[in-house]
Protein backbone atom coordinates (compact mmCIF):
# COMPACT_ATOMS: atom_id res chain seq x y z
CA MET A 1 91.54 101.00 75.49
CA ALA A 2 91.22 104.47 76.82
CA PHE A 3 94.49 104.14 78.71
CA LEU A 4 96.34 103.24 75.62
CA GLY A 5 94.57 105.96 73.99
CA LEU A 6 96.10 108.09 76.82
CA ALA A 7 99.62 106.49 76.44
CA ALA A 8 99.34 107.54 72.56
CA GLY A 9 98.81 111.48 73.74
CA GLY A 10 97.18 113.84 71.21
CA SER A 11 95.60 117.04 71.17
CA LEU A 12 93.87 118.17 74.36
CA PRO A 13 90.17 117.41 73.03
CA ILE A 14 91.44 113.73 72.07
CA LEU A 15 92.94 113.52 75.57
CA GLY A 16 90.12 114.71 77.02
CA ILE A 17 87.80 111.97 75.55
CA TRP A 18 90.46 109.51 76.17
CA PHE A 19 90.01 110.45 79.87
CA LEU A 20 86.31 110.81 80.03
CA ALA A 21 86.33 106.96 78.40
CA ALA A 22 88.35 105.86 81.20
CA GLY A 23 86.16 107.53 83.74
CA ILE A 24 83.03 106.03 82.48
CA GLY A 25 84.79 102.49 82.40
CA ILE A 26 86.13 102.81 86.26
CA ALA A 27 82.53 103.65 86.98
CA CYS A 28 81.24 100.69 85.34
CA VAL A 29 83.56 98.57 87.08
CA GLU A 30 83.00 99.70 90.16
CA THR A 31 79.43 99.75 90.17
CA ALA A 32 79.42 96.11 88.69
CA GLN A 33 81.70 95.34 92.08
CA HIS A 34 79.24 96.64 94.48
CA ALA A 35 76.58 94.92 92.50
CA VAL A 36 78.44 91.71 93.51
CA VAL A 37 78.79 92.40 96.71
CA ALA A 38 74.97 93.20 97.15
CA THR A 39 73.69 90.09 95.79
CA ARG A 40 76.51 87.33 97.00
CA ALA A 41 77.05 88.59 100.58
CA PRO A 42 74.62 87.43 103.18
CA ALA A 43 72.49 89.99 104.53
CA VAL A 44 73.98 89.72 108.15
CA VAL A 45 77.36 90.39 106.89
CA ARG A 46 76.58 92.64 103.89
CA GLY A 47 77.71 95.57 105.43
CA SER A 48 81.18 94.15 106.37
CA ALA A 49 81.63 93.20 102.94
CA PHE A 50 81.12 96.57 101.50
CA GLY A 51 83.78 97.78 104.14
CA LEU A 52 85.82 95.02 102.99
CA LEU A 53 85.63 95.90 99.53
CA ALA A 54 86.02 99.50 100.10
CA GLY A 55 89.32 98.52 102.09
CA ILE A 56 90.53 96.33 99.26
CA GLN A 57 89.82 99.19 96.53
CA SER A 58 91.32 101.47 98.83
CA LEU A 59 94.76 99.22 99.29
CA GLY A 60 94.67 98.66 95.45
CA ASN A 61 94.46 102.12 94.57
CA PHE A 62 97.21 103.08 96.63
CA ILE A 63 99.42 100.27 95.33
CA ALA A 64 98.48 100.86 91.76
CA SER A 65 99.05 104.95 92.03
CA ALA A 66 102.36 104.55 93.70
CA LEU A 67 103.86 101.93 90.75
CA ALA A 68 102.18 104.39 88.22
CA GLY A 69 104.21 107.21 89.76
CA LEU A 70 107.36 105.32 89.96
CA ILE A 71 107.08 104.22 86.32
CA TRP A 72 105.71 107.84 85.14
CA THR A 73 109.28 108.91 87.20
CA VAL A 74 111.86 106.78 85.95
CA ILE A 75 110.35 105.47 82.89
CA SER A 76 107.84 107.72 80.87
CA ALA A 77 104.25 108.86 81.15
CA GLU A 78 103.44 106.57 78.39
CA ALA A 79 104.97 103.51 80.13
CA ALA A 80 102.71 104.41 83.17
CA PHE A 81 99.62 104.04 81.13
CA ILE A 82 100.51 101.27 79.14
CA TYR A 83 101.04 99.50 82.81
CA ALA A 84 97.60 100.59 83.85
CA ALA A 85 96.03 99.31 80.27
CA ALA A 86 97.59 96.21 81.06
CA CYS A 87 96.42 95.84 84.69
CA MET A 88 92.77 96.63 83.05
CA LEU A 89 93.41 93.92 80.70
CA ALA A 90 94.58 91.56 83.53
CA ALA A 91 91.46 92.22 85.48
CA LEU A 92 89.26 91.88 82.44
CA LEU A 93 90.52 88.50 82.05
CA VAL A 94 89.93 87.53 85.50
CA TYR A 95 86.32 88.89 85.34
CA LEU A 96 85.52 86.73 81.84
CA ARG A 97 86.68 83.17 83.47
CA PRO A 98 84.04 80.84 83.76
CA ASP A 99 82.08 81.87 87.03
CA GLN A 100 80.62 79.15 89.71
CA PRO A 101 77.34 79.85 90.58
CA PRO A 102 76.54 81.86 93.76
CA PRO A 103 76.31 79.45 96.85
CA LYS A 104 72.92 78.32 98.07
CA ARG A 105 72.13 80.35 101.04
CA PRO A 106 68.94 80.62 103.36
CA ASP A 107 66.43 83.45 102.54
CA ASP A 108 68.33 86.53 104.08
CA ALA A 109 65.00 88.86 103.87
């Protein structure tokens, strides 16, 4: 919703509210991603799992920023925010899919 609000434009205070909402949403998602790694990765590889998550996030951020910048330049700023909203919706659909229970693992205390 926040990215669609940014695409719609408006006054500076309204854009500030949408920007704040987008930041809160991203903070929640990134916290959830770290919680999944912390709870599902075995202790012996947990550090590597966090490193892999950081690498994937960095690559995704680079690709998404490059595509959004290209869309912004070639089409419009509104189209770039609509692209971002569509990506967020796709991610939400992936997160909402029925999940498999975490695999059984030996005590990793």
